[in-house]
C-alpha atoms as a PDB file:
ATOM      1  CA  UNK A   1      15.717  18.636 -21.473  1.00  0.00           C
ATOM      2  CA  UNK A   2      11.580  17.824 -21.892  1.00  0.00           C
ATOM      3  CA  UNK A   3      12.234  14.364 -20.720  1.00  0.00           C
ATOM      4  CA  UNK A   4      14.470  15.421 -17.640  1.00  0.00           C
ATOM      5  CA  UNK A   5      11.753  17.576 -16.759  1.00  0.00           C
ATOM      6  CA  UNK A   6       8.970  14.984 -16.717  1.00  0.00           C
ATOM      7  CA  UNK A   7      11.514  11.948 -14.877  1.00  0.00           C
ATOM      8  CA  UNK A   8      12.029  14.799 -12.434  1.00  0.00           C
ATOM      9  CA  UNK A   9       7.834  15.077 -11.831  1.00  0.00           C
ATOM     10  CA  UNK A  10       7.038  11.997 -12.241  1.00  0.00           C
ATOM     11  CA  UNK A  11       6.326  10.318  -8.839  1.00  0.00           C
ATOM     12  CA  UNK A  12       7.728   6.578  -8.246  1.00  0.00           C
ATOM     13  CA  UNK A  13       5.828   3.624  -7.926  1.00  0.00           C
ATOM     14  CA  UNK A  14       6.248   0.335  -5.664  1.00  0.00           C
ATOM     15  CA  UNK A  15       6.650  -1.430  -8.732  1.00  0.00           C
ATOM     16  CA  UNK A  16       8.953   0.789 -10.305  1.00  0.00           C
ATOM     17  CA  UNK A  17      11.224   0.110  -7.728  1.00  0.00           C
ATOM     18  CA  UNK A  18      11.641  -3.799  -8.111  1.00  0.00           C
ATOM     19  CA  UNK A  19       9.135  -7.052  -8.367  1.00  0.00           C
ATOM     20  CA  UNK A  20       6.380  -6.576  -5.652  1.00  0.00           C
ATOM     21  CA  UNK A  21       6.229  -9.754  -3.622  1.00  0.00           C
ATOM     22  CA  UNK A  22       3.021  -9.785  -1.295  1.00  0.00           C
ATOM     23  CA  UNK A  23       3.825 -12.000   1.895  1.00  0.00           C
ATOM     24  CA  UNK A  24       1.348 -14.323   3.525  1.00  0.00           C
ATOM     25  CA  UNK A  25       1.196 -12.396   6.981  1.00  0.00           C
ATOM     26  CA  UNK A  26       0.049  -9.050   4.721  1.00  0.00           C
ATOM     27  CA  UNK A  27      -2.434 -11.229   2.745  1.00  0.00           C
ATOM     28  CA  UNK A  28      -3.406 -12.730   5.596  1.00  0.00           C
ATOM     29  CA  UNK A  29      -4.484  -8.835   7.530  1.00  0.00           C
ATOM     30  CA  UNK A  30      -6.158  -8.291   3.903  1.00  0.00           C
ATOM     31  CA  UNK A  31      -8.144 -11.270   3.469  1.00  0.00           C
ATOM     32  CA  UNK A  32      -9.647 -10.769   7.041  1.00  0.00           C
ATOM     33  CA  UNK A  33     -10.514  -6.791   6.667  1.00  0.00           C
ATOM     34  CA  UNK A  34     -12.034  -7.789   2.821  1.00  0.00           C
ATOM     35  CA  UNK A  35     -13.411 -11.118   4.006  1.00  0.00           C
ATOM     36  CA  UNK A  36     -11.472 -13.062   0.656  1.00  0.00           C
ATOM     37  CA  UNK A  37      -9.315 -16.091   0.711  1.00  0.00           C
ATOM     38  CA  UNK A  38      -5.746 -15.486   1.103  1.00  0.00           C
ATOM     39  CA  UNK A  39      -4.622 -16.309  -2.391  1.00  0.00           C
ATOM     40  CA  UNK A  40      -7.537 -13.866  -3.755  1.00  0.00           C
ATOM     41  CA  UNK A  41      -6.446 -11.509  -1.108  1.00  0.00           C
ATOM     42  CA  UNK A  42      -2.683 -11.761  -1.915  1.00  0.00           C
ATOM     43  CA  UNK A  43      -3.978 -10.826  -6.014  1.00  0.00           C
ATOM     44  CA  UNK A  44      -5.408  -7.951  -4.999  1.00  0.00           C
ATOM     45  CA  UNK A  45      -3.080  -6.677  -2.631  1.00  0.00           C
ATOM     46  CA  UNK A  46      -0.208  -6.865  -5.318  1.00  0.00           C
ATOM     47  CA  UNK A  47      -2.538  -4.925  -7.195  1.00  0.00           C
ATOM     48  CA  UNK A  48      -2.939  -2.406  -5.184  1.00  0.00           C
ATOM     49  CA  UNK A  49       0.496  -2.375  -3.779  1.00  0.00           C
ATOM     50  CA  UNK A  50       2.000  -2.149  -7.397  1.00  0.00           C
ATOM     51  CA  UNK A  51       1.018   1.782  -7.681  1.00  0.00           C
ATOM     52  CA  UNK A  52       1.250   2.645  -4.075  1.00  0.00           C
ATOM     53  CA  UNK A  53       3.793   5.859  -3.541  1.00  0.00           C
ATOM     54  CA  UNK A  54       6.372   6.199  -0.622  1.00  0.00           C
ATOM     55  CA  UNK A  55       4.885   7.644   2.661  1.00  0.00           C
ATOM     56  CA  UNK A  56       8.264   7.629   4.516  1.00  0.00           C
ATOM     57  CA  UNK A  57      11.793   6.491   3.785  1.00  0.00           C
ATOM     58  CA  UNK A  58      12.835   4.008   5.984  1.00  0.00           C
ATOM     59  CA  UNK A  59      15.834   4.475   8.073  1.00  0.00           C
ATOM     60  CA  UNK A  60      14.734   0.803  10.333  1.00  0.00           C
ATOM     61  CA  UNK A  61      15.160  -1.355   7.219  1.00  0.00           C
ATOM     62  CA  UNK A  62      11.197  -1.085   6.622  1.00  0.00           C
ATOM     63  CA  UNK A  63      10.178   1.830   4.397  1.00  0.00           C
ATOM     64  CA  UNK A  64       6.508   2.569   4.323  1.00  0.00           C
ATOM     65  CA  UNK A  65       4.582   3.259   1.806  1.00  0.00           C
ATOM     66  CA  UNK A  66       0.453   4.295   0.976  1.00  0.00           C
ATOM     67  CA  UNK A  67      -1.663   3.175  -1.740  1.00  0.00           C
ATOM     68  CA  UNK A  68      -5.397   4.278  -2.116  1.00  0.00           C
ATOM     69  CA  UNK A  69      -8.181   1.543  -3.709  1.00  0.00           C
ATOM     70  CA  UNK A  70     -10.650   3.858  -4.712  1.00  0.00           C
ATOM     71  CA  UNK A  71     -12.863   1.417  -6.086  1.00  0.00           C
ATOM     72  CA  UNK A  72     -12.661  -0.985  -2.738  1.00  0.00           C
ATOM     73  CA  UNK A  73     -12.834   2.295  -0.890  1.00  0.00           C
ATOM     74  CA  UNK A  74      -9.483   1.589   1.287  1.00  0.00           C
ATOM     75  CA  UNK A  75      -6.426   3.531   2.297  1.00  0.00           C
ATOM     76  CA  UNK A  76      -3.215   1.543   2.851  1.00  0.00           C
ATOM     77  CA  UNK A  77      -0.339   1.738   4.469  1.00  0.00           C
ATOM     78  CA  UNK A  78       1.843  -0.817   3.869  1.00  0.00           C
ATOM     79  CA  UNK A  79       5.559  -1.638   5.217  1.00  0.00           C
ATOM     80  CA  UNK A  80       8.285  -3.108   2.760  1.00  0.00           C
ATOM     81  CA  UNK A  81      11.486  -4.881   2.795  1.00  0.00           C
ATOM     82  CA  UNK A  82      14.177  -5.323   0.702  1.00  0.00           C
ATOM     83  CA  UNK A  83      15.519  -8.684   0.002  1.00  0.00           C
ATOM     84  CA  UNK A  84      17.481  -9.987  -3.152  1.00  0.00           C
ATOM     85  CA  UNK A  85      15.562  -7.919  -5.516  1.00  0.00           C
ATOM     86  CA  UNK A  86      12.367  -8.284  -4.411  1.00  0.00           C
ATOM     87  CA  UNK A  87      10.335  -5.407  -3.028  1.00  0.00           C
ATOM     88  CA  UNK A  88       8.258  -7.359  -0.036  1.00  0.00           C
ATOM     89  CA  UNK A  89       5.400  -6.306   1.652  1.00  0.00           C
ATOM     90  CA  UNK A  90       5.840  -7.669   4.864  1.00  0.00           C
ATOM     91  CA  UNK A  91       2.348  -6.034   7.158  1.00  0.00           C
ATOM     92  CA  UNK A  92      -0.416  -3.363   6.033  1.00  0.00           C
ATOM     93  CA  UNK A  93      -2.658  -1.208   7.805  1.00  0.00           C
ATOM     94  CA  UNK A  94      -6.289  -0.638   6.425  1.00  0.00           C
ATOM     95  CA  UNK A  95      -8.564   1.835   7.163  1.00  0.00           C
ATOM     96  CA  UNK A  96     -11.925   1.605   5.048  1.00  0.00           C
ATOM     97  CA  UNK A  97     -14.119   4.855   3.705  1.00  0.00           C
ATOM     98  CA  UNK A  98     -16.635   3.958   6.328  1.00  0.00           C
ATOM     99  CA  UNK A  99     -13.579   3.785   9.514  1.00  0.00           C
ATOM    100  CA  UNK A 100     -12.445   7.610   8.035  1.00  0.00           C
ATOM    101  CA  UNK A 101     -16.383   9.016   7.569  1.00  0.00           C
ATOM    102  CA  UNK A 102     -16.917   7.723  11.304  1.00  0.00           C
ATOM    103  CA  UNK A 103     -13.910   9.586  11.928  1.00  0.00           C
ATOM    104  CA  UNK A 104     -14.523  12.783  10.915  1.00  0.00           C
ATOM    105  CA  UNK A 105     -18.049  12.774  12.432  1.00  0.00           C
ATOM    106  CA  UNK A 106     -16.738  11.945  15.644  1.00  0.00           C
ATOM    107  CA  UNK A 107     -14.198  14.860  15.297  1.00  0.00           C
ATOM    108  CA  UNK A 108     -17.171  16.837  14.381  1.00  0.00           C
ATOM    109  CA  UNK A 109     -18.914  16.301  17.798  1.00  0.00           C
ATOM    110  CA  UNK A 110     -21.386  14.983  15.496  1.00  0.00           C
END
């Protein structure tokens, strides 16, 4: 019984749902945001994506997942498609910590 309770309370991560693959398009967006080479961006984004949690179930075949990279100060929304057992990150939106701070100041009228 305790095992069932623990399983029910466990947050499912993207890596729990299949083999994570980051597309070149998503890696290029991340590379542009972070100033990295594409392959380094793909490696970092894969690590971050594996810890993502589901934000919105996909009704169009694309799921939205969210990851926070506190070390690098990013909030990342991942658009994920599934194909032949792969979990493919097809697109991302990256919002950095500095941008969020600026948005809060503007909202407060500062």
